[in-house]
Protein backbone atom coordinates (compact mmCIF):
# COMPACT_ATOMS: atom_id res chain seq x y z
CA UNK A 1 0.00 0.00 0.00
CA UNK A 2 2.78 2.41 0.91
CA UNK A 3 4.67 1.58 -2.30
CA UNK A 4 1.50 2.28 -4.33
CA UNK A 5 1.11 5.67 -2.64
CA UNK A 6 4.74 6.58 -3.39
CA UNK A 7 4.33 5.56 -7.06
CA UNK A 8 1.18 7.69 -7.33
CA UNK A 9 2.86 10.75 -5.80
CA UNK A 10 5.79 10.42 -8.21
CA UNK A 11 3.50 10.01 -11.25
CA UNK A 12 1.51 13.10 -10.21
CA UNK A 13 4.71 15.12 -9.83
CA UNK A 14 4.32 15.47 -6.06
CA UNK A 15 7.32 14.93 -3.78
CA UNK A 16 7.32 11.89 -1.52
CA UNK A 17 7.98 12.37 2.19
CA UNK A 18 11.62 11.34 1.77
CA UNK A 19 12.11 13.69 -1.20
CA UNK A 20 10.45 16.63 0.53
CA UNK A 21 13.03 16.37 3.33
CA UNK A 22 15.76 17.40 0.85
CA UNK A 23 14.03 20.53 -0.43
CA UNK A 24 15.67 23.81 0.53
CA UNK A 25 14.02 25.33 3.56
CA UNK A 26 12.78 28.92 3.50
CA UNK A 27 15.00 31.50 5.17
CA UNK A 28 13.74 32.13 8.70
CA UNK A 29 13.93 35.49 10.40
CA UNK A 30 12.35 37.26 13.32
CA UNK A 31 9.18 39.22 12.63
CA UNK A 32 9.55 42.91 13.38
CA UNK A 33 7.09 44.60 15.72
CA UNK A 34 5.96 46.88 12.87
CA UNK A 35 5.07 43.78 10.79
CA UNK A 36 2.71 42.22 13.30
CA UNK A 37 -0.99 42.49 12.47
CA UNK A 38 -2.74 44.84 14.85
CA UNK A 39 -5.29 42.66 16.67
CA UNK A 40 -6.90 44.36 19.60
CA UNK A 41 -6.85 41.97 22.61
CA UNK A 42 -10.39 42.97 23.61
CA UNK A 43 -11.66 42.28 20.10
CA UNK A 44 -9.77 38.98 20.02
CA UNK A 45 -11.46 37.93 23.27
CA UNK A 46 -14.89 39.13 22.11
CA UNK A 47 -14.80 37.27 18.80
CA UNK A 48 -13.37 34.04 20.20
CA UNK A 49 -15.91 34.20 23.02
CA UNK A 50 -18.49 33.06 20.46
CA UNK A 51 -16.93 29.60 20.66
CA UNK A 52 -18.78 27.79 23.45
CA UNK A 53 -16.67 25.43 25.53
CA UNK A 54 -17.05 23.07 28.41
CA UNK A 55 -15.47 23.88 31.76
CA UNK A 56 -13.03 21.77 33.76
CA UNK A 57 -10.95 21.96 36.89
CA UNK A 58 -7.40 20.65 36.45
CA UNK A 59 -6.00 19.33 39.74
CA UNK A 60 -2.73 17.87 40.99
CA UNK A 61 -1.09 16.79 44.22
CA UNK A 62 2.41 18.08 44.91
CA UNK A 63 4.46 17.91 48.14
CA UNK A 64 2.64 21.01 49.45
CA UNK A 65 -0.80 19.44 49.03
CA UNK A 66 -3.63 19.63 46.51
CA UNK A 67 -3.70 22.37 43.87
CA UNK A 68 -5.81 23.20 40.85
CA UNK A 69 -7.32 25.79 38.57
CA UNK A 70 -10.44 26.30 36.44
CA UNK A 71 -9.75 25.62 32.77
CA UNK A 72 -11.90 25.92 29.68
CA UNK A 73 -9.07 25.32 27.19
CA UNK A 74 -9.09 21.53 27.41
CA UNK A 75 -9.33 19.08 24.51
CA UNK A 76 -8.87 15.46 23.56
CA UNK A 77 -5.80 15.12 21.35
CA UNK A 78 -5.13 11.52 20.36
CA UNK A 79 -6.83 8.14 20.63
CA UNK A 80 -3.69 6.03 20.12
CA UNK A 81 -1.87 6.73 22.34
CA UNK A 82 -4.60 8.29 24.50
CA UNK A 83 -3.60 11.96 24.91
CA UNK A 84 -5.34 15.12 26.08
CA UNK A 85 -4.17 18.72 26.23
CA UNK A 86 -4.91 21.87 28.18
CA UNK A 87 -3.57 25.40 27.99
CA UNK A 88 -2.41 27.43 30.99
CA UNK A 89 -1.15 31.01 31.24
CA UNK A 90 2.60 31.29 31.64
CA UNK A 91 1.95 33.64 34.58
CA UNK A 92 -0.14 31.04 36.43
CA UNK A 93 0.98 30.45 40.01
CA UNK A 94 -0.68 27.02 39.96
CA UNK A 95 1.21 25.73 36.92
CA UNK A 96 4.61 25.31 38.65
CA UNK A 97 2.94 23.07 41.23
CA UNK A 98 1.28 20.96 38.52
CA UNK A 99 4.60 20.70 36.70
CA UNK A 100 6.32 19.60 39.91
CA UNK A 101 3.65 16.92 40.43
CA UNK A 102 4.20 15.61 36.90
CA UNK A 103 0.59 14.51 36.73
CA UNK A 104 -2.93 15.95 36.76
CA UNK A 105 -6.60 15.05 36.78
CA UNK A 106 -9.09 16.85 34.56
CA UNK A 107 -12.45 17.14 36.32
CA UNK A 108 -15.24 17.88 33.83
CA UNK A 109 -17.83 20.09 35.51
CA UNK A 110 -21.60 19.72 35.43
CA UNK A 111 -24.17 22.49 35.04
CA UNK A 112 -24.72 22.72 38.81
CA UNK A 113 -21.02 23.26 39.60
CA UNK A 114 -20.73 26.95 38.69
CA UNK A 115 -19.69 27.97 42.22
CA UNK A 116 -17.07 25.24 42.31
CA UNK A 117 -15.63 26.61 39.07
CA UNK A 118 -15.57 30.16 40.43
CA UNK A 119 -13.74 28.97 43.54
CA UNK A 120 -10.99 27.39 41.44
CA UNK A 121 -10.78 30.50 39.22
CA UNK A 122 -9.75 32.72 42.17
CA UNK A 123 -6.14 33.34 43.11
CA UNK A 124 -4.70 33.53 46.61
CA UNK A 125 -7.35 31.42 48.33
CA UNK A 126 -7.53 27.87 49.63
CA UNK A 127 -9.35 26.43 46.62
CA UNK A 128 -9.90 23.07 48.33
CA UNK A 129 -11.56 24.47 51.47
CA UNK A 130 -14.76 22.48 51.89
CA UNK A 131 -14.30 20.70 48.55
CA UNK A 132 -14.61 16.91 48.83
CA UNK A 133 -12.32 14.78 46.68
CA UNK A 134 -10.58 11.44 46.56
CA UNK A 135 -7.33 10.34 44.86
CA UNK A 136 -7.52 9.44 41.18
CA UNK A 137 -6.44 5.80 40.77
CA UNK A 138 -3.29 6.18 38.65
CA UNK A 139 -1.64 9.40 39.86
CA UNK A 140 -3.36 10.27 43.13
CA UNK A 141 -4.38 13.68 41.77
CA UNK A 142 -7.56 15.07 43.37
CA UNK A 143 -10.72 13.70 41.76
CA UNK A 144 -13.50 16.12 42.68
CA UNK A 145 -16.67 14.61 44.11
CA UNK A 146 -19.68 15.17 41.87
CA UNK A 147 -17.78 15.83 38.64
CA UNK A 148 -19.59 14.01 35.81
CA UNK A 149 -16.29 12.78 34.32
CA UNK A 150 -12.60 12.65 35.21
CA UNK A 151 -9.41 11.99 33.24
CA UNK A 152 -6.27 10.99 35.18
CA UNK A 153 -3.02 11.82 33.33
CA UNK A 154 0.74 12.02 33.46
CA UNK A 155 2.46 14.99 31.78
CA UNK A 156 4.31 13.96 28.62
CA UNK A 157 5.25 17.26 26.92
CA UNK A 158 4.87 21.01 27.33
CA UNK A 159 4.97 23.43 24.39
CA UNK A 160 5.10 27.22 24.37
CA UNK A 161 2.22 29.02 22.71
CA UNK A 162 2.58 32.79 23.05
CA UNK A 163 1.54 33.83 26.54
CA UNK A 164 0.32 30.30 27.34
CA UNK A 165 1.78 26.82 27.68
CA UNK A 166 0.28 23.81 25.92
CA UNK A 167 0.40 20.83 28.27
CA UNK A 168 0.00 17.34 26.82
CA UNK A 169 -0.90 14.47 29.10
CA UNK A 170 -1.12 10.73 28.59
CA UNK A 171 -4.38 9.31 29.91
CA UNK A 172 -3.69 6.66 32.54
CA UNK A 173 -7.27 6.20 33.79
CA UNK A 174 -10.65 7.84 33.27
CA UNK A 175 -14.27 7.39 34.14
CA UNK A 176 -17.71 8.68 34.97
CA UNK A 177 -18.96 8.10 38.51
CA UNK A 178 -22.57 7.62 37.46
CA UNK A 179 -24.54 6.46 34.45
CA UNK A 180 -27.01 9.33 34.92
CA UNK A 181 -27.13 12.00 32.23
CA UNK A 182 -25.62 15.16 33.73
CA UNK A 183 -25.81 18.44 31.85
CA UNK A 184 -22.41 20.05 31.18
CA UNK A 185 -21.36 23.45 32.51
CA UNK A 186 -20.77 25.63 29.45
CA UNK A 187 -18.97 28.94 28.99
CA UNK A 188 -20.00 31.28 26.18
CA UNK A 189 -19.38 35.02 25.63
CA UNK A 190 -18.12 35.54 29.18
CA UNK A 191 -21.03 33.78 30.86
CA UNK A 192 -21.89 30.34 32.18
CA UNK A 193 -24.73 28.51 30.52
CA UNK A 194 -26.52 25.21 30.12
CA UNK A 195 -27.01 22.90 27.20
CA UNK A 196 -30.51 22.89 25.76
CA UNK A 197 -31.52 20.99 22.68
C-alpha atoms as a PDB file:
ATOM      1  CA  UNK A   1       0.000   0.000   0.000  1.00  0.00           C
ATOM      2  CA  UNK A   2       2.784   2.414   0.911  1.00  0.00           C
ATOM      3  CA  UNK A   3       4.665   1.580  -2.302  1.00  0.00           C
ATOM      4  CA  UNK A   4       1.504   2.278  -4.331  1.00  0.00           C
ATOM      5  CA  UNK A   5       1.108   5.668  -2.642  1.00  0.00           C
ATOM      6  CA  UNK A   6       4.738   6.581  -3.391  1.00  0.00           C
ATOM      7  CA  UNK A   7       4.328   5.559  -7.064  1.00  0.00           C
ATOM      8  CA  UNK A   8       1.178   7.690  -7.326  1.00  0.00           C
ATOM      9  CA  UNK A   9       2.864  10.754  -5.797  1.00  0.00           C
ATOM     10  CA  UNK A  10       5.788  10.417  -8.206  1.00  0.00           C
ATOM     11  CA  UNK A  11       3.496  10.015 -11.253  1.00  0.00           C
ATOM     12  CA  UNK A  12       1.511  13.104 -10.208  1.00  0.00           C
ATOM     13  CA  UNK A  13       4.715  15.121  -9.829  1.00  0.00           C
ATOM     14  CA  UNK A  14       4.320  15.469  -6.059  1.00  0.00           C
ATOM     15  CA  UNK A  15       7.320  14.931  -3.780  1.00  0.00           C
ATOM     16  CA  UNK A  16       7.318  11.895  -1.515  1.00  0.00           C
ATOM     17  CA  UNK A  17       7.978  12.368   2.189  1.00  0.00           C
ATOM     18  CA  UNK A  18      11.615  11.344   1.772  1.00  0.00           C
ATOM     19  CA  UNK A  19      12.106  13.688  -1.202  1.00  0.00           C
ATOM     20  CA  UNK A  20      10.453  16.625   0.529  1.00  0.00           C
ATOM     21  CA  UNK A  21      13.035  16.373   3.327  1.00  0.00           C
ATOM     22  CA  UNK A  22      15.762  17.398   0.849  1.00  0.00           C
ATOM     23  CA  UNK A  23      14.030  20.526  -0.433  1.00  0.00           C
ATOM     24  CA  UNK A  24      15.667  23.813   0.534  1.00  0.00           C
ATOM     25  CA  UNK A  25      14.019  25.332   3.562  1.00  0.00           C
ATOM     26  CA  UNK A  26      12.775  28.922   3.500  1.00  0.00           C
ATOM     27  CA  UNK A  27      14.996  31.496   5.168  1.00  0.00           C
ATOM     28  CA  UNK A  28      13.742  32.131   8.704  1.00  0.00           C
ATOM     29  CA  UNK A  29      13.931  35.489  10.401  1.00  0.00           C
ATOM     30  CA  UNK A  30      12.352  37.262  13.320  1.00  0.00           C
ATOM     31  CA  UNK A  31       9.177  39.216  12.626  1.00  0.00           C
ATOM     32  CA  UNK A  32       9.554  42.906  13.381  1.00  0.00           C
ATOM     33  CA  UNK A  33       7.088  44.600  15.716  1.00  0.00           C
ATOM     34  CA  UNK A  34       5.956  46.877  12.873  1.00  0.00           C
ATOM     35  CA  UNK A  35       5.069  43.778  10.789  1.00  0.00           C
ATOM     36  CA  UNK A  36       2.711  42.217  13.299  1.00  0.00           C
ATOM     37  CA  UNK A  37      -0.992  42.489  12.468  1.00  0.00           C
ATOM     38  CA  UNK A  38      -2.738  44.835  14.854  1.00  0.00           C
ATOM     39  CA  UNK A  39      -5.293  42.661  16.672  1.00  0.00           C
ATOM     40  CA  UNK A  40      -6.898  44.365  19.602  1.00  0.00           C
ATOM     41  CA  UNK A  41      -6.854  41.972  22.606  1.00  0.00           C
ATOM     42  CA  UNK A  42     -10.391  42.973  23.615  1.00  0.00           C
ATOM     43  CA  UNK A  43     -11.664  42.282  20.095  1.00  0.00           C
ATOM     44  CA  UNK A  44      -9.767  38.982  20.025  1.00  0.00           C
ATOM     45  CA  UNK A  45     -11.459  37.927  23.270  1.00  0.00           C
ATOM     46  CA  UNK A  46     -14.885  39.135  22.108  1.00  0.00           C
ATOM     47  CA  UNK A  47     -14.803  37.269  18.800  1.00  0.00           C
ATOM     48  CA  UNK A  48     -13.368  34.036  20.199  1.00  0.00           C
ATOM     49  CA  UNK A  49     -15.911  34.204  23.020  1.00  0.00           C
ATOM     50  CA  UNK A  50     -18.490  33.064  20.463  1.00  0.00           C
ATOM     51  CA  UNK A  51     -16.932  29.603  20.661  1.00  0.00           C
ATOM     52  CA  UNK A  52     -18.780  27.787  23.450  1.00  0.00           C
ATOM     53  CA  UNK A  53     -16.675  25.430  25.533  1.00  0.00           C
ATOM     54  CA  UNK A  54     -17.045  23.065  28.408  1.00  0.00           C
ATOM     55  CA  UNK A  55     -15.468  23.881  31.756  1.00  0.00           C
ATOM     56  CA  UNK A  56     -13.034  21.768  33.756  1.00  0.00           C
ATOM     57  CA  UNK A  57     -10.946  21.958  36.894  1.00  0.00           C
ATOM     58  CA  UNK A  58      -7.399  20.649  36.454  1.00  0.00           C
ATOM     59  CA  UNK A  59      -5.997  19.328  39.741  1.00  0.00           C
ATOM     60  CA  UNK A  60      -2.730  17.873  40.990  1.00  0.00           C
ATOM     61  CA  UNK A  61      -1.092  16.788  44.221  1.00  0.00           C
ATOM     62  CA  UNK A  62       2.411  18.083  44.909  1.00  0.00           C
ATOM     63  CA  UNK A  63       4.461  17.911  48.141  1.00  0.00           C
ATOM     64  CA  UNK A  64       2.639  21.013  49.452  1.00  0.00           C
ATOM     65  CA  UNK A  65      -0.797  19.437  49.026  1.00  0.00           C
ATOM     66  CA  UNK A  66      -3.633  19.631  46.508  1.00  0.00           C
ATOM     67  CA  UNK A  67      -3.695  22.367  43.868  1.00  0.00           C
ATOM     68  CA  UNK A  68      -5.807  23.198  40.851  1.00  0.00           C
ATOM     69  CA  UNK A  69      -7.320  25.794  38.566  1.00  0.00           C
ATOM     70  CA  UNK A  70     -10.442  26.302  36.437  1.00  0.00           C
ATOM     71  CA  UNK A  71      -9.745  25.616  32.774  1.00  0.00           C
ATOM     72  CA  UNK A  72     -11.904  25.919  29.676  1.00  0.00           C
ATOM     73  CA  UNK A  73      -9.070  25.316  27.190  1.00  0.00           C
ATOM     74  CA  UNK A  74      -9.086  21.528  27.406  1.00  0.00           C
ATOM     75  CA  UNK A  75      -9.326  19.083  24.508  1.00  0.00           C
ATOM     76  CA  UNK A  76      -8.874  15.460  23.562  1.00  0.00           C
ATOM     77  CA  UNK A  77      -5.801  15.122  21.354  1.00  0.00           C
ATOM     78  CA  UNK A  78      -5.127  11.515  20.365  1.00  0.00           C
ATOM     79  CA  UNK A  79      -6.828   8.138  20.631  1.00  0.00           C
ATOM     80  CA  UNK A  80      -3.695   6.025  20.123  1.00  0.00           C
ATOM     81  CA  UNK A  81      -1.871   6.733  22.337  1.00  0.00           C
ATOM     82  CA  UNK A  82      -4.599   8.295  24.500  1.00  0.00           C
ATOM     83  CA  UNK A  83      -3.595  11.961  24.913  1.00  0.00           C
ATOM     84  CA  UNK A  84      -5.337  15.118  26.078  1.00  0.00           C
ATOM     85  CA  UNK A  85      -4.169  18.722  26.234  1.00  0.00           C
ATOM     86  CA  UNK A  86      -4.905  21.869  28.178  1.00  0.00           C
ATOM     87  CA  UNK A  87      -3.569  25.397  27.992  1.00  0.00           C
ATOM     88  CA  UNK A  88      -2.409  27.430  30.986  1.00  0.00           C
ATOM     89  CA  UNK A  89      -1.145  31.014  31.236  1.00  0.00           C
ATOM     90  CA  UNK A  90       2.603  31.288  31.639  1.00  0.00           C
ATOM     91  CA  UNK A  91       1.952  33.644  34.575  1.00  0.00           C
ATOM     92  CA  UNK A  92      -0.136  31.041  36.429  1.00  0.00           C
ATOM     93  CA  UNK A  93       0.981  30.454  40.014  1.00  0.00           C
ATOM     94  CA  UNK A  94      -0.676  27.019  39.963  1.00  0.00           C
ATOM     95  CA  UNK A  95       1.211  25.729  36.916  1.00  0.00           C
ATOM     96  CA  UNK A  96       4.614  25.307  38.653  1.00  0.00           C
ATOM     97  CA  UNK A  97       2.944  23.067  41.226  1.00  0.00           C
ATOM     98  CA  UNK A  98       1.280  20.958  38.524  1.00  0.00           C
ATOM     99  CA  UNK A  99       4.602  20.700  36.700  1.00  0.00           C
ATOM    100  CA  UNK A 100       6.315  19.604  39.914  1.00  0.00           C
ATOM    101  CA  UNK A 101       3.647  16.925  40.431  1.00  0.00           C
ATOM    102  CA  UNK A 102       4.201  15.608  36.900  1.00  0.00           C
ATOM    103  CA  UNK A 103       0.585  14.510  36.727  1.00  0.00           C
ATOM    104  CA  UNK A 104      -2.927  15.950  36.759  1.00  0.00           C
ATOM    105  CA  UNK A 105      -6.604  15.054  36.785  1.00  0.00           C
ATOM    106  CA  UNK A 106      -9.089  16.851  34.559  1.00  0.00           C
ATOM    107  CA  UNK A 107     -12.445  17.142  36.321  1.00  0.00           C
ATOM    108  CA  UNK A 108     -15.236  17.878  33.828  1.00  0.00           C
ATOM    109  CA  UNK A 109     -17.828  20.090  35.510  1.00  0.00           C
ATOM    110  CA  UNK A 110     -21.598  19.723  35.432  1.00  0.00           C
ATOM    111  CA  UNK A 111     -24.168  22.488  35.043  1.00  0.00           C
ATOM    112  CA  UNK A 112     -24.720  22.716  38.810  1.00  0.00           C
ATOM    113  CA  UNK A 113     -21.021  23.259  39.599  1.00  0.00           C
ATOM    114  CA  UNK A 114     -20.726  26.953  38.688  1.00  0.00           C
ATOM    115  CA  UNK A 115     -19.694  27.972  42.215  1.00  0.00           C
ATOM    116  CA  UNK A 116     -17.067  25.238  42.315  1.00  0.00           C
ATOM    117  CA  UNK A 117     -15.627  26.608  39.068  1.00  0.00           C
ATOM    118  CA  UNK A 118     -15.571  30.157  40.427  1.00  0.00           C
ATOM    119  CA  UNK A 119     -13.739  28.966  43.543  1.00  0.00           C
ATOM    120  CA  UNK A 120     -10.986  27.395  41.437  1.00  0.00           C
ATOM    121  CA  UNK A 121     -10.783  30.497  39.224  1.00  0.00           C
ATOM    122  CA  UNK A 122      -9.750  32.724  42.170  1.00  0.00           C
ATOM    123  CA  UNK A 123      -6.144  33.343  43.112  1.00  0.00           C
ATOM    124  CA  UNK A 124      -4.698  33.532  46.607  1.00  0.00           C
ATOM    125  CA  UNK A 125      -7.351  31.420  48.331  1.00  0.00           C
ATOM    126  CA  UNK A 126      -7.529  27.867  49.631  1.00  0.00           C
ATOM    127  CA  UNK A 127      -9.347  26.433  46.621  1.00  0.00           C
ATOM    128  CA  UNK A 128      -9.895  23.074  48.326  1.00  0.00           C
ATOM    129  CA  UNK A 129     -11.556  24.475  51.467  1.00  0.00           C
ATOM    130  CA  UNK A 130     -14.757  22.475  51.893  1.00  0.00           C
ATOM    131  CA  UNK A 131     -14.297  20.704  48.545  1.00  0.00           C
ATOM    132  CA  UNK A 132     -14.607  16.911  48.833  1.00  0.00           C
ATOM    133  CA  UNK A 133     -12.323  14.779  46.685  1.00  0.00           C
ATOM    134  CA  UNK A 134     -10.580  11.439  46.560  1.00  0.00           C
ATOM    135  CA  UNK A 135      -7.326  10.345  44.863  1.00  0.00           C
ATOM    136  CA  UNK A 136      -7.523   9.439  41.183  1.00  0.00           C
ATOM    137  CA  UNK A 137      -6.441   5.804  40.766  1.00  0.00           C
ATOM    138  CA  UNK A 138      -3.290   6.176  38.653  1.00  0.00           C
ATOM    139  CA  UNK A 139      -1.644   9.403  39.857  1.00  0.00           C
ATOM    140  CA  UNK A 140      -3.356  10.271  43.134  1.00  0.00           C
ATOM    141  CA  UNK A 141      -4.375  13.684  41.767  1.00  0.00           C
ATOM    142  CA  UNK A 142      -7.556  15.071  43.367  1.00  0.00           C
ATOM    143  CA  UNK A 143     -10.724  13.698  41.762  1.00  0.00           C
ATOM    144  CA  UNK A 144     -13.504  16.124  42.681  1.00  0.00           C
ATOM    145  CA  UNK A 145     -16.667  14.608  44.107  1.00  0.00           C
ATOM    146  CA  UNK A 146     -19.680  15.173  41.866  1.00  0.00           C
ATOM    147  CA  UNK A 147     -17.776  15.830  38.641  1.00  0.00           C
ATOM    148  CA  UNK A 148     -19.592  14.009  35.810  1.00  0.00           C
ATOM    149  CA  UNK A 149     -16.295  12.782  34.316  1.00  0.00           C
ATOM    150  CA  UNK A 150     -12.601  12.654  35.208  1.00  0.00           C
ATOM    151  CA  UNK A 151      -9.407  11.989  33.244  1.00  0.00           C
ATOM    152  CA  UNK A 152      -6.266  10.986  35.182  1.00  0.00           C
ATOM    153  CA  UNK A 153      -3.019  11.816  33.331  1.00  0.00           C
ATOM    154  CA  UNK A 154       0.743  12.023  33.459  1.00  0.00           C
ATOM    155  CA  UNK A 155       2.455  14.986  31.781  1.00  0.00           C
ATOM    156  CA  UNK A 156       4.315  13.965  28.617  1.00  0.00           C
ATOM    157  CA  UNK A 157       5.249  17.255  26.916  1.00  0.00           C
ATOM    158  CA  UNK A 158       4.874  21.006  27.329  1.00  0.00           C
ATOM    159  CA  UNK A 159       4.971  23.428  24.393  1.00  0.00           C
ATOM    160  CA  UNK A 160       5.096  27.217  24.367  1.00  0.00           C
ATOM    161  CA  UNK A 161       2.221  29.024  22.706  1.00  0.00           C
ATOM    162  CA  UNK A 162       2.580  32.788  23.046  1.00  0.00           C
ATOM    163  CA  UNK A 163       1.544  33.835  26.537  1.00  0.00           C
ATOM    164  CA  UNK A 164       0.323  30.299  27.335  1.00  0.00           C
ATOM    165  CA  UNK A 165       1.781  26.815  27.679  1.00  0.00           C
ATOM    166  CA  UNK A 166       0.279  23.809  25.917  1.00  0.00           C
ATOM    167  CA  UNK A 167       0.405  20.834  28.267  1.00  0.00           C
ATOM    168  CA  UNK A 168       0.001  17.340  26.815  1.00  0.00           C
ATOM    169  CA  UNK A 169      -0.903  14.468  29.099  1.00  0.00           C
ATOM    170  CA  UNK A 170      -1.118  10.728  28.590  1.00  0.00           C
ATOM    171  CA  UNK A 171      -4.378   9.307  29.912  1.00  0.00           C
ATOM    172  CA  UNK A 172      -3.694   6.655  32.536  1.00  0.00           C
ATOM    173  CA  UNK A 173      -7.271   6.205  33.792  1.00  0.00           C
ATOM    174  CA  UNK A 174     -10.654   7.841  33.273  1.00  0.00           C
ATOM    175  CA  UNK A 175     -14.272   7.390  34.142  1.00  0.00           C
ATOM    176  CA  UNK A 176     -17.707   8.680  34.970  1.00  0.00           C
ATOM    177  CA  UNK A 177     -18.957   8.105  38.509  1.00  0.00           C
ATOM    178  CA  UNK A 178     -22.572   7.616  37.462  1.00  0.00           C
ATOM    179  CA  UNK A 179     -24.540   6.455  34.454  1.00  0.00           C
ATOM    180  CA  UNK A 180     -27.011   9.328  34.923  1.00  0.00           C
ATOM    181  CA  UNK A 181     -27.134  11.999  32.230  1.00  0.00           C
ATOM    182  CA  UNK A 182     -25.615  15.160  33.729  1.00  0.00           C
ATOM    183  CA  UNK A 183     -25.811  18.438  31.853  1.00  0.00           C
ATOM    184  CA  UNK A 184     -22.411  20.053  31.180  1.00  0.00           C
ATOM    185  CA  UNK A 185     -21.356  23.447  32.506  1.00  0.00           C
ATOM    186  CA  UNK A 186     -20.769  25.629  29.451  1.00  0.00           C
ATOM    187  CA  UNK A 187     -18.968  28.941  28.988  1.00  0.00           C
ATOM    188  CA  UNK A 188     -20.000  31.284  26.183  1.00  0.00           C
ATOM    189  CA  UNK A 189     -19.375  35.016  25.628  1.00  0.00           C
ATOM    190  CA  UNK A 190     -18.118  35.544  29.176  1.00  0.00           C
ATOM    191  CA  UNK A 191     -21.032  33.781  30.863  1.00  0.00           C
ATOM    192  CA  UNK A 192     -21.888  30.337  32.179  1.00  0.00           C
ATOM    193  CA  UNK A 193     -24.734  28.512  30.515  1.00  0.00           C
ATOM    194  CA  UNK A 194     -26.518  25.207  30.125  1.00  0.00           C
ATOM    195  CA  UNK A 195     -27.013  22.900  27.199  1.00  0.00           C
ATOM    196  CA  UNK A 196     -30.511  22.889  25.764  1.00  0.00           C
ATOM    197  CA  UNK A 197     -31.516  20.989  22.684  1.00  0.00           C
END
